[in-house]
Amino acid sequence: MNEQEQGFFLAKGFSMWPFLKDGQKVLVKKIAPQEFNRGDLVLYRVADQLICHRLLRKEKKDGSWLFYCRGDASLAGGDQIPEKMVEGKVAAVISGEKAVNLETPWQRLWAMVILLSLAPLLALLNEIYQKLKKL
């Protein structure tokens, strides 16, 4: 994607559960690295795989940005992503006929609540859910 482009991505997996569910469509737009904010959902590429995780923090190192991202339901520490691997920011989540704009003040606040307080609880709930699903 160039800097003015946007596109759709189909979420796969459970690393962002329950905020993003397997099979949901998201609208991704390309923005400059300095425009990303803590709590944003970042779409990035690792090898052949596209991953969508929440931005924990970013820092400028040796002239380029480094993003620290983690799935909401992940117990792991997260990924360090160089800016060249970042495809864009999730601007909206689409469920059926309904689209939720993630760029509103309310959604930005919700992202921070998840980031700061709910992520560890959601990770535990996801682990329990995955185990129960196997029964």
C-alpha atoms as a PDB file:
ATOM      1  CA  MET A   1       0.000   0.000   0.000  1.00  0.00           C
ATOM      2  CA  ASN A   2       1.252   3.500  -0.701  1.00  0.00           C
ATOM      3  CA  GLU A   3       0.672   6.292   1.814  1.00  0.00           C
ATOM      4  CA  GLN A   4      -2.806   7.225   0.464  1.00  0.00           C
ATOM      5  CA  GLU A   5      -4.089   3.667   0.129  1.00  0.00           C
ATOM      6  CA  GLN A   6      -6.478   1.664   2.205  1.00  0.00           C
ATOM      7  CA  GLY A   7      -7.674  -1.892   1.955  1.00  0.00           C
ATOM      8  CA  PHE A   8      -9.400  -4.739   3.745  1.00  0.00           C
ATOM      9  CA  PHE A   9      -7.942  -7.551   5.813  1.00  0.00           C
ATOM     10  CA  LEU A  10      -9.709 -10.646   7.109  1.00  0.00           C
ATOM     11  CA  ALA A  11      -8.785 -11.360  10.734  1.00  0.00           C
ATOM     12  CA  LYS A  12      -7.660 -14.917  11.428  1.00  0.00           C
ATOM     13  CA  GLY A  13      -6.972 -16.507  14.769  1.00  0.00           C
ATOM     14  CA  PHE A  14      -7.691 -15.554  18.353  1.00  0.00           C
ATOM     15  CA  SER A  15      -4.784 -13.323  19.407  1.00  0.00           C
ATOM     16  CA  MET A  16      -7.046 -10.220  19.443  1.00  0.00           C
ATOM     17  CA  TRP A  17     -10.090 -11.956  20.950  1.00  0.00           C
ATOM     18  CA  PRO A  18     -12.647 -10.690  21.959  1.00  0.00           C
ATOM     19  CA  PHE A  19     -11.974  -7.281  20.362  1.00  0.00           C
ATOM     20  CA  LEU A  20     -11.401  -8.879  16.952  1.00  0.00           C
ATOM     21  CA  LYS A  21     -12.914 -12.239  16.181  1.00  0.00           C
ATOM     22  CA  ASP A  22     -11.761 -14.841  13.690  1.00  0.00           C
ATOM     23  CA  GLY A  23     -13.248 -14.035  10.293  1.00  0.00           C
ATOM     24  CA  GLN A  24     -14.044 -10.356  10.909  1.00  0.00           C
ATOM     25  CA  LYS A  25     -13.111  -7.885   8.209  1.00  0.00           C
ATOM     26  CA  VAL A  26     -11.116  -4.757   9.062  1.00  0.00           C
ATOM     27  CA  LEU A  27     -10.428  -1.615   7.062  1.00  0.00           C
ATOM     28  CA  VAL A  28      -6.721  -0.781   7.070  1.00  0.00           C
ATOM     29  CA  LYS A  29      -5.292   2.547   6.005  1.00  0.00           C
ATOM     30  CA  LYS A  30      -1.705   3.484   5.371  1.00  0.00           C
ATOM     31  CA  ILE A  31      -0.426   6.275   7.632  1.00  0.00           C
ATOM     32  CA  ALA A  32       3.000   7.681   8.400  1.00  0.00           C
ATOM     33  CA  PRO A  33       4.832   5.942  11.284  1.00  0.00           C
ATOM     34  CA  GLN A  34       4.772   9.056  13.481  1.00  0.00           C
ATOM     35  CA  GLU A  35       0.941   9.166  13.244  1.00  0.00           C
ATOM     36  CA  PHE A  36       0.460   5.856  15.087  1.00  0.00           C
ATOM     37  CA  ASN A  37      -0.726   6.179  18.679  1.00  0.00           C
ATOM     38  CA  ARG A  38      -0.490   3.835  21.607  1.00  0.00           C
ATOM     39  CA  GLY A  39      -3.510   1.521  21.531  1.00  0.00           C
ATOM     40  CA  ASP A  40      -3.901   1.560  17.730  1.00  0.00           C
ATOM     41  CA  LEU A  41      -4.338  -1.745  15.918  1.00  0.00           C
ATOM     42  CA  VAL A  42      -1.346  -2.218  13.631  1.00  0.00           C
ATOM     43  CA  LEU A  43      -1.294  -4.514  10.610  1.00  0.00           C
ATOM     44  CA  TYR A  44       2.229  -5.748   9.935  1.00  0.00           C
ATOM     45  CA  ARG A  45       3.950  -8.403   7.887  1.00  0.00           C
ATOM     46  CA  VAL A  46       6.213 -11.148   9.245  1.00  0.00           C
ATOM     47  CA  ALA A  47       7.533 -13.350   6.435  1.00  0.00           C
ATOM     48  CA  ASP A  48       4.438 -14.365   4.425  1.00  0.00           C
ATOM     49  CA  GLN A  49       1.971 -13.659   7.228  1.00  0.00           C
ATOM     50  CA  LEU A  50      -0.058 -10.535   8.011  1.00  0.00           C
ATOM     51  CA  ILE A  51      -0.592  -9.922  11.723  1.00  0.00           C
ATOM     52  CA  CYS A  52      -2.916  -7.452  13.443  1.00  0.00           C
ATOM     53  CA  HIS A  53      -1.958  -6.551  17.023  1.00  0.00           C
ATOM     54  CA  ARG A  54      -2.282  -3.595  19.373  1.00  0.00           C
ATOM     55  CA  LEU A  55       0.478  -0.991  19.585  1.00  0.00           C
ATOM     56  CA  LEU A  56       1.945  -0.929  23.079  1.00  0.00           C
ATOM     57  CA  ARG A  57       4.557   1.728  22.311  1.00  0.00           C
ATOM     58  CA  LYS A  58       6.883   2.979  19.607  1.00  0.00           C
ATOM     59  CA  GLU A  59      10.303   4.553  19.584  1.00  0.00           C
ATOM     60  CA  LYS A  60      12.577   6.149  17.057  1.00  0.00           C
ATOM     61  CA  LYS A  61      15.869   4.295  16.817  1.00  0.00           C
ATOM     62  CA  ASP A  62      18.687   5.074  14.392  1.00  0.00           C
ATOM     63  CA  GLY A  63      16.415   7.261  12.260  1.00  0.00           C
ATOM     64  CA  SER A  64      13.483   4.849  11.884  1.00  0.00           C
ATOM     65  CA  TRP A  65      10.547   3.744  14.004  1.00  0.00           C
ATOM     66  CA  LEU A  66      10.326   0.532  15.995  1.00  0.00           C
ATOM     67  CA  PHE A  67       6.831  -0.637  17.008  1.00  0.00           C
ATOM     68  CA  TYR A  68       6.128  -2.857  20.024  1.00  0.00           C
ATOM     69  CA  CYS A  69       2.871  -4.766  19.449  1.00  0.00           C
ATOM     70  CA  ARG A  70       0.971  -7.569  21.186  1.00  0.00           C
ATOM     71  CA  GLY A  71      -2.329  -9.360  20.725  1.00  0.00           C
ATOM     72  CA  ASP A  72      -4.930  -8.492  23.367  1.00  0.00           C
ATOM     73  CA  ALA A  73      -5.352 -12.167  24.248  1.00  0.00           C
ATOM     74  CA  SER A  74      -1.647 -12.962  24.253  1.00  0.00           C
ATOM     75  CA  LEU A  75       0.293 -13.803  27.376  1.00  0.00           C
ATOM     76  CA  ALA A  76       3.587 -13.368  25.523  1.00  0.00           C
ATOM     77  CA  GLY A  77       5.604 -10.155  25.644  1.00  0.00           C
ATOM     78  CA  GLY A  78       4.844  -9.123  22.082  1.00  0.00           C
ATOM     79  CA  ASP A  79       6.713  -8.333  18.883  1.00  0.00           C
ATOM     80  CA  GLN A  80       9.253  -5.671  17.933  1.00  0.00           C
ATOM     81  CA  ILE A  81       8.338  -4.497  14.450  1.00  0.00           C
ATOM     82  CA  PRO A  82      10.502  -2.218  12.287  1.00  0.00           C
ATOM     83  CA  GLU A  83       8.499   0.405  10.401  1.00  0.00           C
ATOM     84  CA  LYS A  84       9.289  -1.204   7.033  1.00  0.00           C
ATOM     85  CA  MET A  85       7.156  -4.226   8.076  1.00  0.00           C
ATOM     86  CA  VAL A  86       4.111  -2.104   8.990  1.00  0.00           C
ATOM     87  CA  GLU A  87       1.311  -2.181   6.420  1.00  0.00           C
ATOM     88  CA  GLY A  88      -1.075   0.233   8.148  1.00  0.00           C
ATOM     89  CA  LYS A  89      -3.503   1.054  10.935  1.00  0.00           C
ATOM     90  CA  VAL A  90      -6.916  -0.542  11.416  1.00  0.00           C
ATOM     91  CA  ALA A  91      -9.447   2.256  10.953  1.00  0.00           C
ATOM     92  CA  ALA A  92     -12.658   0.217  11.237  1.00  0.00           C
ATOM     93  CA  VAL A  93     -13.936  -3.239  12.164  1.00  0.00           C
ATOM     94  CA  ILE A  94     -16.748  -4.643  10.044  1.00  0.00           C
ATOM     95  CA  SER A  95     -19.214  -7.226  11.369  1.00  0.00           C
ATOM     96  CA  GLY A  96     -21.868  -8.132   8.829  1.00  0.00           C
ATOM     97  CA  GLU A  97     -23.568  -4.873   7.859  1.00  0.00           C
ATOM     98  CA  LYS A  98     -22.164  -2.888  10.789  1.00  0.00           C
ATOM     99  CA  ALA A  99     -18.863  -0.968  10.736  1.00  0.00           C
ATOM    100  CA  VAL A 100     -17.242   0.389  13.896  1.00  0.00           C
ATOM    101  CA  ASN A 101     -15.001   3.391  13.306  1.00  0.00           C
ATOM    102  CA  LEU A 102     -11.938   2.993  15.556  1.00  0.00           C
ATOM    103  CA  GLU A 103     -10.858   6.599  15.075  1.00  0.00           C
ATOM    104  CA  THR A 104     -13.587   8.222  17.204  1.00  0.00           C
ATOM    105  CA  PRO A 105     -12.688   9.632  20.648  1.00  0.00           C
ATOM    106  CA  TRP A 106     -14.841   6.937  22.318  1.00  0.00           C
ATOM    107  CA  GLN A 107     -13.053   4.115  20.483  1.00  0.00           C
ATOM    108  CA  ARG A 108      -9.643   5.670  21.269  1.00  0.00           C
ATOM    109  CA  LEU A 109     -10.606   5.712  24.959  1.00  0.00           C
ATOM    110  CA  TRP A 110     -11.802   2.097  24.736  1.00  0.00           C
ATOM    111  CA  ALA A 111      -8.473   1.099  23.157  1.00  0.00           C
ATOM    112  CA  MET A 112      -6.596   2.629  26.081  1.00  0.00           C
ATOM    113  CA  VAL A 113      -8.843   0.847  28.611  1.00  0.00           C
ATOM    114  CA  ILE A 114      -8.065  -2.456  26.890  1.00  0.00           C
ATOM    115  CA  LEU A 115      -4.378  -1.672  26.666  1.00  0.00           C
ATOM    116  CA  LEU A 116      -3.931  -0.604  30.272  1.00  0.00           C
ATOM    117  CA  SER A 117      -6.322  -2.771  32.235  1.00  0.00           C
ATOM    118  CA  LEU A 118      -8.232  -5.436  30.369  1.00  0.00           C
ATOM    119  CA  ALA A 119      -5.546  -7.079  28.233  1.00  0.00           C
ATOM    120  CA  PRO A 120      -4.207  -9.380  30.999  1.00  0.00           C
ATOM    121  CA  LEU A 121      -7.740 -10.428  31.987  1.00  0.00           C
ATOM    122  CA  LEU A 122      -8.701 -11.026  28.357  1.00  0.00           C
ATOM    123  CA  ALA A 123      -5.624 -13.168  27.859  1.00  0.00           C
ATOM    124  CA  LEU A 124      -6.624 -15.363  30.808  1.00  0.00           C
ATOM    125  CA  LEU A 125     -10.216 -15.624  29.564  1.00  0.00           C
ATOM    126  CA  ASN A 126      -9.002 -16.568  26.104  1.00  0.00           C
ATOM    127  CA  GLU A 127      -6.823 -19.322  27.521  1.00  0.00           C
ATOM    128  CA  ILE A 128      -9.799 -20.740  29.452  1.00  0.00           C
ATOM    129  CA  TYR A 129     -12.033 -20.439  26.372  1.00  0.00           C
ATOM    130  CA  GLN A 130      -9.541 -22.308  24.166  1.00  0.00           C
ATOM    131  CA  LYS A 131      -9.289 -25.128  26.713  1.00  0.00           C
ATOM    132  CA  LEU A 132     -13.069 -25.410  27.058  1.00  0.00           C
ATOM    133  CA  LYS A 133     -13.462 -25.477  23.283  1.00  0.00           C
ATOM    134  CA  LYS A 134     -11.350 -28.632  23.152  1.00  0.00           C
ATOM    135  CA  LEU A 135     -13.642 -30.503  25.598  1.00  0.00           C
END
